[in-house]
Each structure stands twice: as C-alpha cells, then as structure tokens.
Amino acid sequence: MSESSSLFVHVHITKENLNNFMNSAAKNVGEYLDWLPWFELKQRVYGDVPELLKNSDGRNQGLSGHAIGAEHMRYDPETQVFTLDNLFLSESFEVFLPIVAALRGLEQYIEPDTDNNFVLIYPYWWGETSQMDEPPFNMYVSFEAGKSYLPDKIDLKHAQLANQFFDANGEALANEIIEKYGRI
C-alpha cells in the first residue's frame, strides 16, 4: 500500500473573495489545458495519462467549497491569508486531479501583487522533505497574475511554508485523525 500525501494551500485573499470562491461552481480538469504537458515532462504516473485526465474530468459537481479536499481551513483576517490542509489526502492522482482543478479556481480570487500563493501535495508525513534542495511533490500549483501554473520545480519558500505548518501541527492533526477514524 502506498502512503498518503499531504495537501497544503496558502493564498492571499479577501474574506469576500474567499466566500465568492467557496460558492462558485467548481472547476474541472477539462477547463485547464496544461495537465498533459506537465505529466509528460517527467513520468509522474504509470499508465495512460490522457485516459487518467479524461476519467478525472467532470467529477466536480456543485460548489468549489465542496470539491477542495479540505480537512481544515483557516482564515487570518489580519494578513488575509487562507490556508487549507489535509494531512493524509491520498496517494492517487485520481483523487488529486479533481481537487487540484477545483483549487485552481482560486486564481481569479487571489489578491493581486501578493507572493506565496500555492497548492502543494507532497509526502510530508512519510519522508524528510525539509532537508532537501528539491523536495519531492506529487502536484504543485503556483498562482501569479491571476493565473494558475503547474511548475516543474517547487519554490523552496512554498515548501518551507508547508513544512513549517505541518511541523507545528502535524502530530495534533494525526492524533485528531486517529480519534476520528481510528487509524491513520
């Protein structure tokens, strides 16, 4: 069995725009055309990527707030930073893709001219990611100038922000999951 990767989202957004995003129609995989080149740049999965993308499209029905894979969400009104986490999201791109597509919908709501707006899915719990020059990741989205991108290399500031969050909260989150579900 594979180990589940962790999801961490960090974006600068007003409370009003966050509410607008949560109540907007969830984006789907087919609304973005950069998946295939990103997958083909490195062998990220085994199997037929076009088939994976086709099977993942259309899964998001309803509102973005229901499609984003959140275990916890936090909003800091002083800094206008929204964070979202899921310590044990999944190990499957079939799960990652619809969630990341929905989260890419944040692109039109993020505050302009802000840094450190990203979505990161990576193996936090199962590996030492903080000591690496290029931490491993499953999926990574960076937001810039009202658009979302699938970079091939992770911005180390983004990995550090995610690691800081999980370093400070990971054990409590894991214990919460054990209490809630009886296991990790």
N, C-alpha and C. Protein backbone atom coordinates (compact mmCIF):
# COMPACT_ATOMS: atom_id res chain seq x y z
N MET A 1 0.83 -1.18 0.00
CA MET A 1 0.00 0.00 0.00
C MET A 1 0.87 1.25 0.00
N SER A 2 0.51 2.22 -0.78
CA SER A 2 1.24 3.48 -0.83
C SER A 2 0.84 4.36 0.34
N GLU A 3 1.71 5.31 0.65
CA GLU A 3 1.43 6.24 1.72
C GLU A 3 0.75 7.47 1.17
N SER A 4 -0.20 8.00 1.93
CA SER A 4 -0.93 9.19 1.52
C SER A 4 -0.05 10.43 1.59
N SER A 5 -0.22 11.29 0.60
CA SER A 5 0.46 12.58 0.60
C SER A 5 -0.41 13.62 1.28
N SER A 6 0.23 14.71 1.65
CA SER A 6 -0.43 15.81 2.36
C SER A 6 -0.76 16.94 1.40
N LEU A 7 -1.86 17.61 1.66
CA LEU A 7 -2.29 18.77 0.89
C LEU A 7 -2.13 20.01 1.76
N PHE A 8 -1.52 21.04 1.20
CA PHE A 8 -1.43 22.33 1.88
C PHE A 8 -1.67 23.43 0.86
N VAL A 9 -2.52 24.38 1.22
CA VAL A 9 -2.85 25.51 0.36
C VAL A 9 -2.59 26.78 1.16
N HIS A 10 -1.98 27.77 0.51
CA HIS A 10 -1.67 29.05 1.14
C HIS A 10 -1.92 30.13 0.09
N VAL A 11 -2.93 30.99 0.32
CA VAL A 11 -3.22 32.07 -0.63
C VAL A 11 -3.63 33.33 0.12
N HIS A 12 -3.32 34.47 -0.51
CA HIS A 12 -3.75 35.78 -0.01
C HIS A 12 -5.06 36.12 -0.71
N ILE A 13 -6.10 36.33 0.09
CA ILE A 13 -7.43 36.51 -0.47
C ILE A 13 -8.27 37.28 0.54
N THR A 14 -9.15 38.15 0.07
CA THR A 14 -10.05 38.83 0.99
C THR A 14 -11.13 37.86 1.45
N LYS A 15 -11.73 38.16 2.56
CA LYS A 15 -12.82 37.31 3.08
C LYS A 15 -13.96 37.23 2.07
N GLU A 16 -14.29 38.36 1.47
CA GLU A 16 -15.36 38.39 0.47
C GLU A 16 -15.03 37.50 -0.72
N ASN A 17 -13.79 37.60 -1.23
CA ASN A 17 -13.39 36.76 -2.36
C ASN A 17 -13.32 35.29 -1.99
N LEU A 18 -12.92 34.98 -0.75
CA LEU A 18 -12.92 33.59 -0.30
C LEU A 18 -14.34 33.05 -0.31
N ASN A 19 -15.29 33.82 0.20
CA ASN A 19 -16.69 33.38 0.18
C ASN A 19 -17.20 33.22 -1.25
N ASN A 20 -16.80 34.15 -2.13
CA ASN A 20 -17.20 34.04 -3.54
C ASN A 20 -16.62 32.77 -4.17
N PHE A 21 -15.35 32.48 -3.87
CA PHE A 21 -14.75 31.25 -4.40
C PHE A 21 -15.49 30.02 -3.89
N MET A 22 -15.70 29.94 -2.59
CA MET A 22 -16.36 28.77 -2.00
C MET A 22 -17.74 28.53 -2.59
N ASN A 23 -18.42 29.59 -2.98
CA ASN A 23 -19.77 29.48 -3.52
C ASN A 23 -19.82 29.52 -5.05
N SER A 24 -18.65 29.46 -5.68
CA SER A 24 -18.60 29.42 -7.14
C SER A 24 -18.69 27.97 -7.63
N ALA A 25 -19.04 27.81 -8.90
CA ALA A 25 -19.06 26.47 -9.50
C ALA A 25 -17.64 25.91 -9.52
N ALA A 26 -17.48 24.68 -9.07
CA ALA A 26 -16.16 24.05 -9.01
C ALA A 26 -15.61 23.85 -10.41
N LYS A 27 -14.34 24.18 -10.57
CA LYS A 27 -13.64 23.95 -11.84
C LYS A 27 -13.36 22.46 -12.00
N ASN A 28 -13.26 22.04 -13.25
CA ASN A 28 -12.97 20.66 -13.58
C ASN A 28 -11.66 20.55 -14.35
N VAL A 29 -11.13 19.35 -14.39
CA VAL A 29 -9.86 19.07 -15.04
C VAL A 29 -9.86 19.59 -16.49
N GLY A 30 -10.93 19.37 -17.23
CA GLY A 30 -11.00 19.76 -18.63
C GLY A 30 -10.95 21.26 -18.89
N GLU A 31 -11.08 22.07 -17.84
CA GLU A 31 -11.04 23.52 -18.02
C GLU A 31 -9.61 24.06 -18.09
N TYR A 32 -8.63 23.19 -17.88
CA TYR A 32 -7.22 23.59 -17.95
C TYR A 32 -6.52 22.69 -18.97
N LEU A 33 -5.69 23.28 -19.80
CA LEU A 33 -5.08 22.56 -20.90
C LEU A 33 -3.62 22.20 -20.67
N ASP A 34 -3.08 22.48 -19.50
CA ASP A 34 -1.65 22.26 -19.26
C ASP A 34 -1.32 20.98 -18.51
N TRP A 35 -2.30 20.15 -18.21
CA TRP A 35 -2.05 18.92 -17.46
C TRP A 35 -1.14 17.97 -18.23
N LEU A 36 -1.50 17.67 -19.48
CA LEU A 36 -0.76 16.68 -20.25
C LEU A 36 0.71 17.05 -20.42
N PRO A 37 1.05 18.27 -20.83
CA PRO A 37 2.48 18.61 -20.93
C PRO A 37 3.20 18.47 -19.58
N TRP A 38 2.53 18.82 -18.49
CA TRP A 38 3.14 18.71 -17.17
C TRP A 38 3.41 17.24 -16.82
N PHE A 39 2.45 16.38 -17.08
CA PHE A 39 2.63 14.95 -16.82
C PHE A 39 3.72 14.36 -17.71
N GLU A 40 3.79 14.81 -18.95
CA GLU A 40 4.75 14.23 -19.90
C GLU A 40 6.18 14.73 -19.69
N LEU A 41 6.35 15.86 -19.02
CA LEU A 41 7.68 16.40 -18.77
C LEU A 41 8.52 15.43 -17.96
N LYS A 42 7.90 14.78 -17.00
CA LYS A 42 8.52 13.72 -16.20
C LYS A 42 7.49 12.60 -16.11
N GLN A 43 7.95 11.41 -15.94
CA GLN A 43 6.99 10.32 -15.78
C GLN A 43 6.46 10.37 -14.35
N ARG A 44 5.30 10.98 -14.19
CA ARG A 44 4.70 11.18 -12.87
C ARG A 44 3.77 10.03 -12.50
N VAL A 45 3.25 9.35 -13.50
CA VAL A 45 2.37 8.21 -13.27
C VAL A 45 2.68 7.14 -14.32
N TYR A 46 2.32 5.94 -13.99
CA TYR A 46 2.41 4.85 -14.96
C TYR A 46 1.03 4.67 -15.56
N GLY A 47 0.99 4.42 -16.83
CA GLY A 47 -0.30 4.21 -17.47
C GLY A 47 -0.60 5.32 -18.47
N ASP A 48 -1.82 5.36 -18.88
CA ASP A 48 -2.30 6.24 -19.94
C ASP A 48 -2.76 7.57 -19.35
N VAL A 49 -1.92 8.61 -19.47
CA VAL A 49 -2.24 9.91 -18.89
C VAL A 49 -3.49 10.53 -19.54
N PRO A 50 -3.63 10.52 -20.87
CA PRO A 50 -4.87 11.07 -21.44
C PRO A 50 -6.12 10.39 -20.89
N GLU A 51 -6.04 9.09 -20.66
CA GLU A 51 -7.19 8.37 -20.09
C GLU A 51 -7.43 8.81 -18.65
N LEU A 52 -6.37 8.98 -17.87
CA LEU A 52 -6.49 9.48 -16.50
C LEU A 52 -7.16 10.85 -16.49
N LEU A 53 -6.72 11.74 -17.37
CA LEU A 53 -7.31 13.08 -17.43
C LEU A 53 -8.78 13.02 -17.85
N LYS A 54 -9.07 12.19 -18.82
CA LYS A 54 -10.46 12.03 -19.28
C LYS A 54 -11.34 11.50 -18.16
N ASN A 55 -10.85 10.50 -17.44
CA ASN A 55 -11.64 9.91 -16.35
C ASN A 55 -11.79 10.84 -15.15
N SER A 56 -10.86 11.79 -15.01
CA SER A 56 -10.91 12.73 -13.89
C SER A 56 -11.77 13.94 -14.19
N ASP A 57 -12.01 14.21 -15.46
CA ASP A 57 -12.80 15.38 -15.83
C ASP A 57 -14.27 15.17 -15.49
N GLY A 58 -14.91 16.24 -15.09
CA GLY A 58 -16.35 16.20 -14.82
C GLY A 58 -16.71 15.67 -13.45
N ARG A 59 -15.73 15.34 -12.64
CA ARG A 59 -16.04 14.81 -11.30
C ARG A 59 -16.54 15.88 -10.34
N ASN A 60 -16.12 17.11 -10.57
CA ASN A 60 -16.53 18.19 -9.68
C ASN A 60 -17.89 18.72 -10.09
N GLN A 61 -18.85 18.47 -9.26
CA GLN A 61 -20.20 18.97 -9.45
C GLN A 61 -20.51 19.87 -8.26
N GLY A 62 -21.21 20.93 -8.49
CA GLY A 62 -21.59 21.78 -7.37
C GLY A 62 -20.55 22.86 -7.09
N LEU A 63 -20.44 23.20 -5.81
CA LEU A 63 -19.64 24.34 -5.39
C LEU A 63 -18.19 23.99 -5.10
N SER A 64 -17.32 24.97 -5.31
CA SER A 64 -15.89 24.80 -5.04
C SER A 64 -15.65 24.38 -3.60
N GLY A 65 -16.37 24.96 -2.66
CA GLY A 65 -16.19 24.66 -1.25
C GLY A 65 -16.38 23.19 -0.91
N HIS A 66 -17.11 22.47 -1.73
CA HIS A 66 -17.35 21.04 -1.50
C HIS A 66 -16.35 20.16 -2.24
N ALA A 67 -15.56 20.73 -3.14
CA ALA A 67 -14.69 19.93 -4.01
C ALA A 67 -13.20 20.06 -3.69
N ILE A 68 -12.84 20.80 -2.64
CA ILE A 68 -11.44 21.17 -2.45
C ILE A 68 -10.65 20.26 -1.52
N GLY A 69 -11.21 19.21 -1.00
CA GLY A 69 -10.45 18.22 -0.24
C GLY A 69 -9.94 18.71 1.11
N ALA A 70 -10.65 19.63 1.73
CA ALA A 70 -10.18 20.23 2.99
C ALA A 70 -10.49 19.36 4.19
N GLU A 71 -9.48 19.14 5.00
CA GLU A 71 -9.70 18.58 6.33
C GLU A 71 -9.89 19.75 7.30
N HIS A 72 -9.07 20.81 7.12
CA HIS A 72 -9.18 22.03 7.93
C HIS A 72 -8.97 23.25 7.04
N MET A 73 -9.68 24.31 7.35
CA MET A 73 -9.49 25.58 6.68
C MET A 73 -9.33 26.66 7.74
N ARG A 74 -8.43 27.60 7.48
CA ARG A 74 -8.20 28.71 8.38
C ARG A 74 -8.11 29.99 7.57
N TYR A 75 -8.68 31.06 8.14
CA TYR A 75 -8.57 32.37 7.51
C TYR A 75 -8.10 33.36 8.56
N ASP A 76 -7.02 34.08 8.25
CA ASP A 76 -6.50 35.11 9.13
C ASP A 76 -6.92 36.47 8.56
N PRO A 77 -7.87 37.15 9.20
CA PRO A 77 -8.35 38.42 8.65
C PRO A 77 -7.29 39.53 8.66
N GLU A 78 -6.33 39.45 9.56
CA GLU A 78 -5.28 40.48 9.61
C GLU A 78 -4.35 40.39 8.42
N THR A 79 -3.91 39.19 8.09
CA THR A 79 -2.98 39.01 6.97
C THR A 79 -3.71 38.69 5.66
N GLN A 80 -5.00 38.40 5.76
CA GLN A 80 -5.81 37.96 4.63
C GLN A 80 -5.19 36.74 3.96
N VAL A 81 -4.76 35.79 4.79
CA VAL A 81 -4.20 34.53 4.29
C VAL A 81 -5.16 33.40 4.63
N PHE A 82 -5.48 32.64 3.60
CA PHE A 82 -6.31 31.44 3.73
C PHE A 82 -5.39 30.24 3.60
N THR A 83 -5.48 29.32 4.57
CA THR A 83 -4.76 28.06 4.47
C THR A 83 -5.74 26.92 4.59
N LEU A 84 -5.38 25.85 3.94
CA LEU A 84 -6.19 24.64 3.92
C LEU A 84 -5.22 23.47 4.04
N ASP A 85 -5.62 22.45 4.79
CA ASP A 85 -4.74 21.29 4.90
C ASP A 85 -5.54 20.01 4.92
N ASN A 86 -4.86 18.96 4.53
CA ASN A 86 -5.34 17.60 4.66
C ASN A 86 -4.09 16.74 4.79
N LEU A 87 -3.77 16.33 6.01
CA LEU A 87 -2.51 15.65 6.29
C LEU A 87 -2.38 14.33 5.53
N PHE A 88 -3.46 13.60 5.39
CA PHE A 88 -3.44 12.31 4.69
C PHE A 88 -4.48 12.32 3.57
N LEU A 89 -4.22 13.10 2.55
CA LEU A 89 -5.19 13.26 1.46
C LEU A 89 -5.39 11.96 0.69
N SER A 90 -4.35 11.47 0.05
CA SER A 90 -4.45 10.28 -0.79
C SER A 90 -3.07 9.97 -1.35
N GLU A 91 -2.99 8.86 -2.07
CA GLU A 91 -1.76 8.52 -2.80
C GLU A 91 -2.05 8.45 -4.30
N SER A 92 -3.23 8.90 -4.72
CA SER A 92 -3.69 8.67 -6.09
C SER A 92 -3.94 9.96 -6.86
N PHE A 93 -3.42 10.01 -8.09
CA PHE A 93 -3.71 11.14 -8.96
C PHE A 93 -5.20 11.19 -9.31
N GLU A 94 -5.89 10.08 -9.24
CA GLU A 94 -7.33 10.10 -9.49
C GLU A 94 -8.06 10.93 -8.44
N VAL A 95 -7.50 11.01 -7.24
CA VAL A 95 -8.05 11.87 -6.19
C VAL A 95 -7.49 13.28 -6.33
N PHE A 96 -6.18 13.38 -6.58
CA PHE A 96 -5.52 14.69 -6.64
C PHE A 96 -6.12 15.60 -7.72
N LEU A 97 -6.31 15.06 -8.92
CA LEU A 97 -6.66 15.89 -10.06
C LEU A 97 -7.95 16.69 -9.88
N PRO A 98 -9.08 16.08 -9.48
CA PRO A 98 -10.28 16.90 -9.30
C PRO A 98 -10.13 17.95 -8.21
N ILE A 99 -9.42 17.61 -7.12
CA ILE A 99 -9.21 18.57 -6.04
C ILE A 99 -8.35 19.73 -6.52
N VAL A 100 -7.26 19.43 -7.20
CA VAL A 100 -6.38 20.48 -7.70
C VAL A 100 -7.10 21.34 -8.74
N ALA A 101 -7.90 20.72 -9.59
CA ALA A 101 -8.67 21.51 -10.56
C ALA A 101 -9.59 22.49 -9.84
N ALA A 102 -10.28 22.02 -8.82
CA ALA A 102 -11.16 22.91 -8.05
C ALA A 102 -10.37 24.03 -7.39
N LEU A 103 -9.21 23.70 -6.82
CA LEU A 103 -8.38 24.71 -6.16
C LEU A 103 -7.78 25.71 -7.15
N ARG A 104 -7.54 25.28 -8.38
CA ARG A 104 -7.04 26.21 -9.38
C ARG A 104 -8.05 27.33 -9.64
N GLY A 105 -9.30 27.09 -9.32
CA GLY A 105 -10.32 28.13 -9.43
C GLY A 105 -10.07 29.33 -8.54
N LEU A 106 -9.19 29.19 -7.56
CA LEU A 106 -8.81 30.33 -6.72
C LEU A 106 -8.14 31.44 -7.52
N GLU A 107 -7.59 31.10 -8.67
CA GLU A 107 -6.79 32.04 -9.45
C GLU A 107 -7.47 33.38 -9.67
N GLN A 108 -8.75 33.39 -9.87
CA GLN A 108 -9.44 34.65 -10.15
C GLN A 108 -9.84 35.42 -8.90
N TYR A 109 -9.58 34.84 -7.72
CA TYR A 109 -9.98 35.48 -6.46
C TYR A 109 -8.81 35.95 -5.60
N ILE A 110 -7.61 35.48 -5.89
CA ILE A 110 -6.43 35.82 -5.08
C ILE A 110 -6.10 37.30 -5.24
N GLU A 111 -5.64 37.90 -4.15
CA GLU A 111 -5.25 39.31 -4.18
C GLU A 111 -4.08 39.51 -5.14
N PRO A 112 -4.19 40.50 -6.02
CA PRO A 112 -3.08 40.74 -6.96
C PRO A 112 -1.84 41.26 -6.22
N ASP A 113 -0.71 41.07 -6.84
CA ASP A 113 0.56 41.56 -6.32
C ASP A 113 0.90 41.00 -4.94
N THR A 114 0.53 39.75 -4.70
CA THR A 114 0.92 39.07 -3.46
C THR A 114 1.76 37.85 -3.83
N ASP A 115 2.63 37.46 -2.90
CA ASP A 115 3.51 36.32 -3.11
C ASP A 115 3.02 35.13 -2.29
N ASN A 116 3.64 33.99 -2.57
CA ASN A 116 3.40 32.77 -1.79
C ASN A 116 1.95 32.32 -1.85
N ASN A 117 1.42 32.25 -3.05
CA ASN A 117 0.09 31.70 -3.30
C ASN A 117 0.29 30.38 -4.03
N PHE A 118 -0.10 29.28 -3.37
CA PHE A 118 0.21 27.98 -3.94
C PHE A 118 -0.67 26.87 -3.37
N VAL A 119 -0.66 25.77 -4.09
CA VAL A 119 -1.25 24.49 -3.69
C VAL A 119 -0.12 23.47 -3.77
N LEU A 120 0.04 22.68 -2.73
CA LEU A 120 1.11 21.68 -2.72
C LEU A 120 0.57 20.36 -2.18
N ILE A 121 0.80 19.30 -2.95
CA ILE A 121 0.53 17.94 -2.49
C ILE A 121 1.87 17.23 -2.50
N TYR A 122 2.28 16.74 -1.32
CA TYR A 122 3.62 16.16 -1.20
C TYR A 122 3.67 15.17 -0.03
N PRO A 123 4.68 14.31 0.00
CA PRO A 123 4.75 13.27 1.03
C PRO A 123 5.34 13.79 2.34
N TYR A 124 4.65 14.72 2.99
CA TYR A 124 5.18 15.30 4.23
C TYR A 124 5.39 14.24 5.31
N TRP A 125 4.35 13.50 5.64
CA TRP A 125 4.37 12.61 6.80
C TRP A 125 5.36 11.46 6.65
N TRP A 126 5.58 11.02 5.44
CA TRP A 126 6.33 9.78 5.21
C TRP A 126 7.78 10.00 4.82
N GLY A 127 8.22 11.22 4.73
CA GLY A 127 9.60 11.43 4.33
C GLY A 127 10.13 12.76 4.83
N GLU A 128 11.43 12.86 4.93
CA GLU A 128 12.07 14.11 5.37
C GLU A 128 12.18 15.03 4.17
N THR A 129 11.28 16.00 4.08
CA THR A 129 11.26 16.91 2.94
C THR A 129 11.97 18.23 3.22
N SER A 130 12.20 18.56 4.48
CA SER A 130 12.74 19.88 4.80
C SER A 130 14.25 19.96 4.54
N GLN A 131 14.95 18.85 4.45
CA GLN A 131 16.40 18.87 4.27
C GLN A 131 16.83 18.72 2.81
N MET A 132 15.90 18.74 1.91
CA MET A 132 16.22 18.50 0.51
C MET A 132 16.30 19.81 -0.27
N ASP A 133 17.22 19.86 -1.23
CA ASP A 133 17.31 21.03 -2.10
C ASP A 133 16.09 21.11 -3.02
N GLU A 134 15.61 19.96 -3.47
CA GLU A 134 14.40 19.89 -4.27
C GLU A 134 13.45 18.88 -3.65
N PRO A 135 12.58 19.35 -2.76
CA PRO A 135 11.67 18.42 -2.09
C PRO A 135 10.77 17.70 -3.11
N PRO A 136 10.47 16.45 -2.86
CA PRO A 136 9.56 15.74 -3.77
C PRO A 136 8.13 16.28 -3.62
N PHE A 137 7.40 16.22 -4.69
CA PHE A 137 5.99 16.61 -4.63
C PHE A 137 5.21 15.81 -5.66
N ASN A 138 3.92 15.66 -5.38
CA ASN A 138 3.03 14.99 -6.31
C ASN A 138 2.42 16.00 -7.28
N MET A 139 1.87 17.06 -6.71
CA MET A 139 1.30 18.13 -7.53
C MET A 139 1.61 19.45 -6.86
N TYR A 140 1.80 20.45 -7.71
CA TYR A 140 2.17 21.77 -7.22
C TYR A 140 1.59 22.80 -8.17
N VAL A 141 0.87 23.76 -7.60
CA VAL A 141 0.28 24.85 -8.37
C VAL A 141 0.77 26.16 -7.78
N SER A 142 1.21 27.04 -8.65
CA SER A 142 1.60 28.38 -8.24
C SER A 142 0.65 29.36 -8.90
N PHE A 143 0.25 30.38 -8.15
CA PHE A 143 -0.65 31.40 -8.68
C PHE A 143 0.13 32.69 -8.89
N GLU A 144 0.02 33.24 -10.10
CA GLU A 144 0.68 34.50 -10.43
C GLU A 144 -0.17 35.25 -11.44
N ALA A 145 -0.34 36.54 -11.20
CA ALA A 145 -1.02 37.42 -12.14
C ALA A 145 -2.39 36.89 -12.57
N GLY A 146 -3.15 36.38 -11.61
CA GLY A 146 -4.50 35.92 -11.90
C GLY A 146 -4.60 34.60 -12.64
N LYS A 147 -3.51 33.87 -12.71
CA LYS A 147 -3.48 32.57 -13.39
C LYS A 147 -2.85 31.52 -12.48
N SER A 148 -3.17 30.27 -12.76
CA SER A 148 -2.55 29.15 -12.04
C SER A 148 -1.62 28.42 -13.00
N TYR A 149 -0.50 27.96 -12.45
CA TYR A 149 0.52 27.28 -13.24
C TYR A 149 0.92 25.98 -12.56
N LEU A 150 1.38 25.03 -13.35
CA LEU A 150 1.90 23.76 -12.86
C LEU A 150 3.42 23.75 -13.06
N PRO A 151 4.16 24.37 -12.15
CA PRO A 151 5.62 24.40 -12.30
C PRO A 151 6.23 23.01 -12.18
N ASP A 152 7.37 22.85 -12.83
CA ASP A 152 8.08 21.58 -12.74
C ASP A 152 8.94 21.50 -11.49
N LYS A 153 9.37 22.64 -10.97
CA LYS A 153 10.18 22.67 -9.75
C LYS A 153 9.45 23.48 -8.70
N ILE A 154 9.58 23.03 -7.48
CA ILE A 154 8.90 23.69 -6.38
C ILE A 154 9.69 24.91 -5.91
N ASP A 155 8.99 25.98 -5.61
CA ASP A 155 9.61 27.16 -5.00
C ASP A 155 9.90 26.78 -3.54
N LEU A 156 11.15 26.84 -3.15
CA LEU A 156 11.54 26.39 -1.81
C LEU A 156 10.83 27.17 -0.71
N LYS A 157 10.47 28.42 -0.94
CA LYS A 157 9.70 29.18 0.06
C LYS A 157 8.35 28.51 0.31
N HIS A 158 7.76 27.98 -0.74
CA HIS A 158 6.47 27.33 -0.61
C HIS A 158 6.60 26.03 0.18
N ALA A 159 7.63 25.25 -0.14
CA ALA A 159 7.88 24.02 0.62
C ALA A 159 8.15 24.34 2.08
N GLN A 160 8.89 25.41 2.34
CA GLN A 160 9.18 25.79 3.73
C GLN A 160 7.93 26.19 4.48
N LEU A 161 7.04 26.96 3.83
CA LEU A 161 5.78 27.34 4.48
C LEU A 161 4.94 26.11 4.82
N ALA A 162 4.85 25.19 3.88
CA ALA A 162 4.08 23.96 4.14
C ALA A 162 4.73 23.15 5.25
N ASN A 163 6.04 22.98 5.19
CA ASN A 163 6.73 22.23 6.24
C ASN A 163 6.58 22.89 7.60
N GLN A 164 6.68 24.21 7.67
CA GLN A 164 6.51 24.90 8.95
C GLN A 164 5.13 24.62 9.53
N PHE A 165 4.12 24.68 8.67
CA PHE A 165 2.77 24.40 9.14
C PHE A 165 2.65 22.98 9.67
N PHE A 166 3.08 21.99 8.88
CA PHE A 166 2.94 20.60 9.30
C PHE A 166 3.89 20.25 10.45
N ASP A 167 5.06 20.86 10.50
CA ASP A 167 5.95 20.63 11.64
C ASP A 167 5.29 21.08 12.93
N ALA A 168 4.60 22.21 12.89
CA ALA A 168 3.95 22.76 14.07
C ALA A 168 2.65 22.04 14.42
N ASN A 169 1.95 21.50 13.41
CA ASN A 169 0.60 20.97 13.64
C ASN A 169 0.42 19.50 13.30
N GLY A 170 1.40 18.88 12.66
CA GLY A 170 1.24 17.53 12.13
C GLY A 170 0.86 16.49 13.16
N GLU A 171 1.52 16.49 14.29
CA GLU A 171 1.22 15.48 15.31
C GLU A 171 -0.20 15.63 15.84
N ALA A 172 -0.63 16.85 16.09
CA ALA A 172 -2.00 17.09 16.56
C ALA A 172 -3.01 16.68 15.48
N LEU A 173 -2.70 16.98 14.22
CA LEU A 173 -3.60 16.60 13.13
C LEU A 173 -3.69 15.08 13.01
N ALA A 174 -2.55 14.40 13.13
CA ALA A 174 -2.55 12.94 13.06
C ALA A 174 -3.36 12.36 14.21
N ASN A 175 -3.18 12.88 15.41
CA ASN A 175 -3.95 12.40 16.56
C ASN A 175 -5.44 12.63 16.38
N GLU A 176 -5.80 13.77 15.80
CA GLU A 176 -7.20 14.05 15.52
C GLU A 176 -7.79 13.02 14.55
N ILE A 177 -7.01 12.68 13.53
CA ILE A 177 -7.48 11.70 12.55
C ILE A 177 -7.63 10.33 13.20
N ILE A 178 -6.69 9.97 14.06
CA ILE A 178 -6.78 8.69 14.77
C ILE A 178 -8.03 8.66 15.64
N GLU A 179 -8.30 9.76 16.34
CA GLU A 179 -9.51 9.82 17.18
C GLU A 179 -10.77 9.75 16.33
N LYS A 180 -10.75 10.41 15.19
CA LYS A 180 -11.92 10.49 14.32
C LYS A 180 -12.18 9.18 13.59
N TYR A 181 -11.11 8.57 13.04
CA TYR A 181 -11.27 7.39 12.17
C TYR A 181 -10.70 6.11 12.75
N GLY A 182 -9.97 6.22 13.87
CA GLY A 182 -9.40 5.03 14.48
C GLY A 182 -8.08 4.58 13.91
N ARG A 183 -7.56 5.27 12.92
CA ARG A 183 -6.28 4.90 12.30
C ARG A 183 -5.81 6.02 11.40
N ILE A 184 -4.57 5.90 10.99
CA ILE A 184 -4.02 6.84 10.00
C ILE A 184 -4.11 6.17 8.65
